Amino acid sequence: MGDNVTKKMLETLRRGRVEQAKWAADQFIDESVEEKDNFLTRSKILMQEAVDDKKKVLTEEEQVDDDHSDSFDIDKDTPQFGDLRTSQEEAIRKTLNTNVQFEDKALKYYPKADDMTLDGKIPSLNLKFQFRYNDPSGDGVYIWTDAMQLTDTNARTIGKIRDSFSNWKDSITSEPDLMAKLKKAAENKD
């Protein structure tokens, strides 16, 4: 009689486990279907946001290009602004403490955008940089390079480029009427 009771108990336990396993499998299937729906929905939303962001960026780039289509070049021999150009280049060379080259048309003022850019090169690092005064991000320092080894010295130089940008922007900001003078000079050039 003891064997029958044990057999019945084991059978009940097995049946319970089978039912539990079926229930768990059904729950897993239901959750995975819900997850697929969530994943698909999230994917669609993200794709739409990406498309909208791309349209926004393209519109902003077109606006920036329009604002920067006309420029006033500030050369070393530009009346009234030649000293500004020379002093900015000297300050950057002093801060970077390396060979920095500037082309004749390295410093430009954009009257429509009330913006200014300065382009330079560091040949030893195979690097070009640009400072942009009125960058939308507020942080207008950019570098371009091909195959530069990122040594400690080179990394410090990149940090010094950042410092030079801050000094450059501060020097422009410290002369409150500079941008107005540049705008007037650009208008008179035409």
C-alpha atoms as a PDB file:
ATOM      1  CA  MET A   1       0.000   0.000   0.000  1.00  0.00           C
ATOM      2  CA  GLY A   2       2.912   2.367   0.713  1.00  0.00           C
ATOM      3  CA  ASP A   3       4.126   1.871  -2.832  1.00  0.00           C
ATOM      4  CA  ASN A   4       0.794   3.042  -4.273  1.00  0.00           C
ATOM      5  CA  VAL A   5       0.797   6.198  -2.207  1.00  0.00           C
ATOM      6  CA  THR A   6       4.366   6.966  -3.284  1.00  0.00           C
ATOM      7  CA  LYS A   7       3.514   6.316  -6.942  1.00  0.00           C
ATOM      8  CA  LYS A   8       0.484   8.601  -6.726  1.00  0.00           C
ATOM      9  CA  MET A   9       2.567  11.351  -5.082  1.00  0.00           C
ATOM     10  CA  LEU A  10       5.280  11.110  -7.745  1.00  0.00           C
ATOM     11  CA  GLU A  11       2.677  11.146 -10.525  1.00  0.00           C
ATOM     12  CA  THR A  12       1.037  14.246  -9.055  1.00  0.00           C
ATOM     13  CA  LEU A  13       4.424  15.976  -8.785  1.00  0.00           C
ATOM     14  CA  ARG A  14       5.314  15.060 -12.386  1.00  0.00           C
ATOM     15  CA  ARG A  15       1.978  16.301 -13.656  1.00  0.00           C
ATOM     16  CA  GLY A  16       2.478  19.524 -11.713  1.00  0.00           C
ATOM     17  CA  ARG A  17       5.953  20.006 -13.211  1.00  0.00           C
ATOM     18  CA  VAL A  18       4.711  19.337 -16.733  1.00  0.00           C
ATOM     19  CA  GLU A  19       1.910  21.843 -16.248  1.00  0.00           C
ATOM     20  CA  GLN A  20       4.380  24.329 -14.746  1.00  0.00           C
ATOM     21  CA  ALA A  21       6.754  23.866 -17.690  1.00  0.00           C
ATOM     22  CA  LYS A  22       3.915  24.389 -20.178  1.00  0.00           C
ATOM     23  CA  TRP A  23       2.781  27.497 -18.333  1.00  0.00           C
ATOM     24  CA  ALA A  24       6.338  28.862 -18.253  1.00  0.00           C
ATOM     25  CA  ALA A  25       6.813  28.166 -21.977  1.00  0.00           C
ATOM     26  CA  ASP A  26       3.541  29.945 -22.760  1.00  0.00           C
ATOM     27  CA  GLN A  27       4.671  32.938 -20.682  1.00  0.00           C
ATOM     28  CA  PHE A  28       8.047  33.042 -22.489  1.00  0.00           C
ATOM     29  CA  ILE A  29       6.361  32.976 -25.884  1.00  0.00           C
ATOM     30  CA  ASP A  30       3.942  35.744 -24.855  1.00  0.00           C
ATOM     31  CA  GLU A  31       6.823  37.905 -23.530  1.00  0.00           C
ATOM     32  CA  SER A  32       8.921  37.407 -26.669  1.00  0.00           C
ATOM     33  CA  VAL A  33       5.972  38.450 -28.843  1.00  0.00           C
ATOM     34  CA  GLU A  34       5.468  41.537 -26.693  1.00  0.00           C
ATOM     35  CA  GLU A  35       9.228  42.260 -26.868  1.00  0.00           C
ATOM     36  CA  LYS A  36       9.173  41.983 -30.665  1.00  0.00           C
ATOM     37  CA  ASP A  37       6.349  44.479 -30.791  1.00  0.00           C
ATOM     38  CA  ASN A  38       8.261  46.809 -28.462  1.00  0.00           C
ATOM     39  CA  PHE A  39      11.458  46.384 -30.455  1.00  0.00           C
ATOM     40  CA  LEU A  40       9.724  47.056 -33.742  1.00  0.00           C
ATOM     41  CA  THR A  41       7.925  50.058 -32.337  1.00  0.00           C
ATOM     42  CA  ARG A  42      11.116  51.453 -30.829  1.00  0.00           C
ATOM     43  CA  SER A  43      12.998  50.839 -34.079  1.00  0.00           C
ATOM     44  CA  LYS A  44      10.385  52.680 -36.101  1.00  0.00           C
ATOM     45  CA  ILE A  45      10.474  55.614 -33.682  1.00  0.00           C
ATOM     46  CA  LEU A  46      14.280  55.755 -33.717  1.00  0.00           C
ATOM     47  CA  MET A  47      14.405  55.597 -37.504  1.00  0.00           C
ATOM     48  CA  GLN A  48      11.906  58.441 -37.789  1.00  0.00           C
ATOM     49  CA  GLU A  49      13.907  60.516 -35.280  1.00  0.00           C
ATOM     50  CA  ALA A  50      17.094  59.852 -37.280  1.00  0.00           C
ATOM     51  CA  VAL A  51      15.426  60.976 -40.503  1.00  0.00           C
ATOM     52  CA  ASP A  52      14.076  64.104 -38.793  1.00  0.00           C
ATOM     53  CA  ASP A  53      17.502  64.873 -37.265  1.00  0.00           C
ATOM     54  CA  LYS A  54      19.182  64.452 -40.659  1.00  0.00           C
ATOM     55  CA  LYS A  55      16.720  66.890 -42.201  1.00  0.00           C
ATOM     56  CA  LYS A  56      17.418  69.327 -39.374  1.00  0.00           C
ATOM     57  CA  VAL A  57      21.206  69.028 -39.786  1.00  0.00           C
ATOM     58  CA  LEU A  58      20.954  69.532 -43.540  1.00  0.00           C
ATOM     59  CA  THR A  59      18.871  72.648 -43.009  1.00  0.00           C
ATOM     60  CA  GLU A  60      21.360  73.999 -40.449  1.00  0.00           C
ATOM     61  CA  GLU A  61      24.292  73.267 -42.782  1.00  0.00           C
ATOM     62  CA  GLU A  62      22.567  75.085 -45.629  1.00  0.00           C
ATOM     63  CA  GLN A  63      22.001  78.062 -43.340  1.00  0.00           C
ATOM     64  CA  VAL A  64      25.649  78.057 -42.195  1.00  0.00           C
ATOM     65  CA  ASP A  65      26.852  77.822 -45.798  1.00  0.00           C
ATOM     66  CA  ASP A  66      24.645  80.796 -46.770  1.00  0.00           C
ATOM     67  CA  ASP A  67      25.920  82.844 -43.812  1.00  0.00           C
ATOM     68  CA  HIS A  68      29.543  82.010 -44.675  1.00  0.00           C
ATOM     69  CA  SER A  69      29.324  82.484 -48.438  1.00  0.00           C
ATOM     70  CA  ASP A  70      30.822  85.974 -48.334  1.00  0.00           C
ATOM     71  CA  SER A  71      34.058  86.620 -46.451  1.00  0.00           C
ATOM     72  CA  PHE A  72      36.405  89.499 -45.694  1.00  0.00           C
ATOM     73  CA  ASP A  73      40.031  88.307 -45.655  1.00  0.00           C
ATOM     74  CA  ILE A  74      42.258  89.846 -43.013  1.00  0.00           C
ATOM     75  CA  ASP A  75      45.850  89.796 -44.249  1.00  0.00           C
ATOM     76  CA  LYS A  76      48.884  91.109 -42.400  1.00  0.00           C
ATOM     77  CA  ASP A  77      48.814  94.173 -44.635  1.00  0.00           C
ATOM     78  CA  THR A  78      45.072  94.841 -44.275  1.00  0.00           C
ATOM     79  CA  PRO A  79      44.737  98.440 -43.090  1.00  0.00           C
ATOM     80  CA  GLN A  80      43.482  98.754 -39.529  1.00  0.00           C
ATOM     81  CA  PHE A  81      43.532  94.954 -38.894  1.00  0.00           C
ATOM     82  CA  GLY A  82      47.058  93.835 -39.882  1.00  0.00           C
ATOM     83  CA  ASP A  83      48.327  94.231 -36.321  1.00  0.00           C
ATOM     84  CA  LEU A  84      45.427  92.135 -35.036  1.00  0.00           C
ATOM     85  CA  ARG A  85      46.353  89.319 -37.393  1.00  0.00           C
ATOM     86  CA  THR A  86      50.068  89.494 -36.484  1.00  0.00           C
ATOM     87  CA  SER A  87      49.413  89.591 -32.733  1.00  0.00           C
ATOM     88  CA  GLN A  88      47.019  86.618 -32.931  1.00  0.00           C
ATOM     89  CA  GLU A  89      49.542  84.520 -34.856  1.00  0.00           C
ATOM     90  CA  GLU A  90      52.342  85.375 -32.403  1.00  0.00           C
ATOM     91  CA  ALA A  91      50.159  84.474 -29.413  1.00  0.00           C
ATOM     92  CA  ILE A  92      49.263  81.110 -30.957  1.00  0.00           C
ATOM     93  CA  ARG A  93      52.898  80.307 -31.798  1.00  0.00           C
ATOM     94  CA  LYS A  94      53.921  81.226 -28.250  1.00  0.00           C
ATOM     95  CA  THR A  95      51.227  79.041 -26.684  1.00  0.00           C
ATOM     96  CA  LEU A  96      51.862  76.038 -28.945  1.00  0.00           C
ATOM     97  CA  ASN A  97      55.659  76.385 -28.820  1.00  0.00           C
ATOM     98  CA  THR A  98      56.025  74.631 -32.177  1.00  0.00           C
ATOM     99  CA  ASN A  99      56.218  75.500 -35.868  1.00  0.00           C
ATOM    100  CA  VAL A 100      52.775  76.828 -36.846  1.00  0.00           C
ATOM    101  CA  GLN A 101      52.053  78.047 -40.357  1.00  0.00           C
ATOM    102  CA  PHE A 102      49.330  80.426 -41.468  1.00  0.00           C
ATOM    103  CA  GLU A 103      48.397  81.100 -45.088  1.00  0.00           C
ATOM    104  CA  ASP A 104      47.793  84.623 -46.363  1.00  0.00           C
ATOM    105  CA  LYS A 105      44.019  84.207 -46.142  1.00  0.00           C
ATOM    106  CA  ALA A 106      44.040  82.335 -42.825  1.00  0.00           C
ATOM    107  CA  LEU A 107      41.956  84.892 -40.924  1.00  0.00           C
ATOM    108  CA  LYS A 108      38.487  85.572 -42.326  1.00  0.00           C
ATOM    109  CA  TYR A 109      35.528  87.579 -41.174  1.00  0.00           C
ATOM    110  CA  TYR A 110      32.006  86.617 -42.320  1.00  0.00           C
ATOM    111  CA  PRO A 111      29.733  89.686 -42.157  1.00  0.00           C
ATOM    112  CA  LYS A 112      26.404  87.843 -42.645  1.00  0.00           C
ATOM    113  CA  ALA A 113      27.157  85.514 -39.738  1.00  0.00           C
ATOM    114  CA  ASP A 114      29.150  88.055 -37.706  1.00  0.00           C
ATOM    115  CA  ASP A 115      31.718  85.277 -37.394  1.00  0.00           C
ATOM    116  CA  MET A 116      35.470  84.903 -37.753  1.00  0.00           C
ATOM    117  CA  THR A 117      37.684  81.903 -38.510  1.00  0.00           C
ATOM    118  CA  LEU A 118      41.419  81.349 -38.286  1.00  0.00           C
ATOM    119  CA  ASP A 119      43.080  78.422 -40.095  1.00  0.00           C
ATOM    120  CA  GLY A 120      46.542  77.096 -39.293  1.00  0.00           C
ATOM    121  CA  LYS A 121      48.848  74.135 -39.875  1.00  0.00           C
ATOM    122  CA  ILE A 122      51.356  72.254 -37.778  1.00  0.00           C
ATOM    123  CA  PRO A 123      53.478  70.406 -40.381  1.00  0.00           C
ATOM    124  CA  SER A 124      55.358  68.264 -37.840  1.00  0.00           C
ATOM    125  CA  LEU A 125      52.047  66.667 -36.782  1.00  0.00           C
ATOM    126  CA  ASN A 126      50.515  66.595 -40.256  1.00  0.00           C
ATOM    127  CA  LEU A 127      47.671  68.551 -38.671  1.00  0.00           C
ATOM    128  CA  LYS A 128      45.405  71.433 -39.687  1.00  0.00           C
ATOM    129  CA  PHE A 129      43.251  73.357 -37.258  1.00  0.00           C
ATOM    130  CA  GLN A 130      40.522  75.968 -37.385  1.00  0.00           C
ATOM    131  CA  PHE A 131      39.245  78.354 -34.762  1.00  0.00           C
ATOM    132  CA  ARG A 132      35.692  79.585 -35.238  1.00  0.00           C
ATOM    133  CA  TYR A 133      34.578  82.519 -33.121  1.00  0.00           C
ATOM    134  CA  ASN A 134      30.784  82.208 -33.383  1.00  0.00           C
ATOM    135  CA  ASP A 135      30.455  78.438 -33.527  1.00  0.00           C
ATOM    136  CA  PRO A 136      26.886  77.276 -32.726  1.00  0.00           C
ATOM    137  CA  SER A 137      28.256  74.892 -30.085  1.00  0.00           C
ATOM    138  CA  GLY A 138      30.231  77.676 -28.419  1.00  0.00           C
ATOM    139  CA  ASP A 139      33.301  75.494 -28.705  1.00  0.00           C
ATOM    140  CA  GLY A 140      34.694  76.269 -32.151  1.00  0.00           C
ATOM    141  CA  VAL A 141      38.056  74.540 -32.281  1.00  0.00           C
ATOM    142  CA  TYR A 142      38.533  71.853 -34.941  1.00  0.00           C
ATOM    143  CA  ILE A 143      41.468  69.713 -36.041  1.00  0.00           C
ATOM    144  CA  TRP A 144      42.055  67.526 -39.095  1.00  0.00           C
ATOM    145  CA  THR A 145      44.925  65.075 -39.384  1.00  0.00           C
ATOM    146  CA  ASP A 146      46.093  61.983 -41.223  1.00  0.00           C
ATOM    147  CA  ALA A 147      48.238  59.360 -39.537  1.00  0.00           C
ATOM    148  CA  MET A 148      49.358  61.236 -36.433  1.00  0.00           C
ATOM    149  CA  GLN A 149      50.898  59.152 -33.687  1.00  0.00           C
ATOM    150  CA  LEU A 150      49.170  59.941 -30.401  1.00  0.00           C
ATOM    151  CA  THR A 151      52.202  60.286 -28.149  1.00  0.00           C
ATOM    152  CA  ASP A 152      52.172  62.192 -24.868  1.00  0.00           C
ATOM    153  CA  THR A 153      53.877  65.148 -26.561  1.00  0.00           C
ATOM    154  CA  ASN A 154      51.383  65.206 -29.428  1.00  0.00           C
ATOM    155  CA  ALA A 155      48.452  64.881 -27.010  1.00  0.00           C
ATOM    156  CA  ARG A 156      49.802  67.856 -25.033  1.00  0.00           C
ATOM    157  CA  THR A 157      50.099  69.828 -28.278  1.00  0.00           C
ATOM    158  CA  ILE A 158      46.440  69.090 -29.058  1.00  0.00           C
ATOM    159  CA  GLY A 159      45.585  70.364 -25.568  1.00  0.00           C
ATOM    160  CA  LYS A 160      47.626  73.491 -26.299  1.00  0.00           C
ATOM    161  CA  ILE A 161      45.630  74.011 -29.498  1.00  0.00           C
ATOM    162  CA  ARG A 162      42.520  74.026 -27.306  1.00  0.00           C
ATOM    163  CA  ASP A 163      44.163  76.548 -24.956  1.00  0.00           C
ATOM    164  CA  SER A 164      45.171  78.712 -27.936  1.00  0.00           C
ATOM    165  CA  PHE A 165      41.573  78.743 -29.112  1.00  0.00           C
ATOM    166  CA  SER A 166      40.356  79.936 -25.705  1.00  0.00           C
ATOM    167  CA  ASN A 167      42.980  82.703 -25.672  1.00  0.00           C
ATOM    168  CA  TRP A 168      42.132  83.664 -29.280  1.00  0.00           C
ATOM    169  CA  LYS A 169      38.406  83.869 -28.568  1.00  0.00           C
ATOM    170  CA  ASP A 170      39.019  85.855 -25.366  1.00  0.00           C
ATOM    171  CA  SER A 171      41.223  88.334 -27.250  1.00  0.00           C
ATOM    172  CA  ILE A 172      38.449  88.960 -29.779  1.00  0.00           C
ATOM    173  CA  THR A 173      35.809  89.256 -27.066  1.00  0.00           C
ATOM    174  CA  SER A 174      37.982  91.671 -25.061  1.00  0.00           C
ATOM    175  CA  GLU A 175      37.763  94.194 -27.920  1.00  0.00           C
ATOM    176  CA  PRO A 176      34.017  94.913 -27.883  1.00  0.00           C
ATOM    177  CA  ASP A 177      33.978  97.063 -31.021  1.00  0.00           C
ATOM    178  CA  LEU A 178      36.203  94.774 -33.117  1.00  0.00           C
ATOM    179  CA  MET A 179      33.351  92.884 -34.775  1.00  0.00           C
ATOM    180  CA  ALA A 180      31.545  96.163 -35.566  1.00  0.00           C
ATOM    181  CA  LYS A 181      34.734  97.552 -37.134  1.00  0.00           C
ATOM    182  CA  LEU A 182      35.177  94.383 -39.176  1.00  0.00           C
ATOM    183  CA  LYS A 183      31.569  94.549 -40.371  1.00  0.00           C
ATOM    184  CA  LYS A 184      32.044  98.166 -41.456  1.00  0.00           C
ATOM    185  CA  ALA A 185      35.319  97.345 -43.243  1.00  0.00           C
ATOM    186  CA  ALA A 186      33.681  94.382 -45.030  1.00  0.00           C
ATOM    187  CA  GLU A 187      30.808  96.601 -46.193  1.00  0.00           C
ATOM    188  CA  ASN A 188      33.238  99.246 -47.453  1.00  0.00           C
ATOM    189  CA  LYS A 189      35.229  96.634 -49.406  1.00  0.00           C
ATOM    190  CA  ASP A 190      32.278  96.086 -51.749  1.00  0.00           C
END
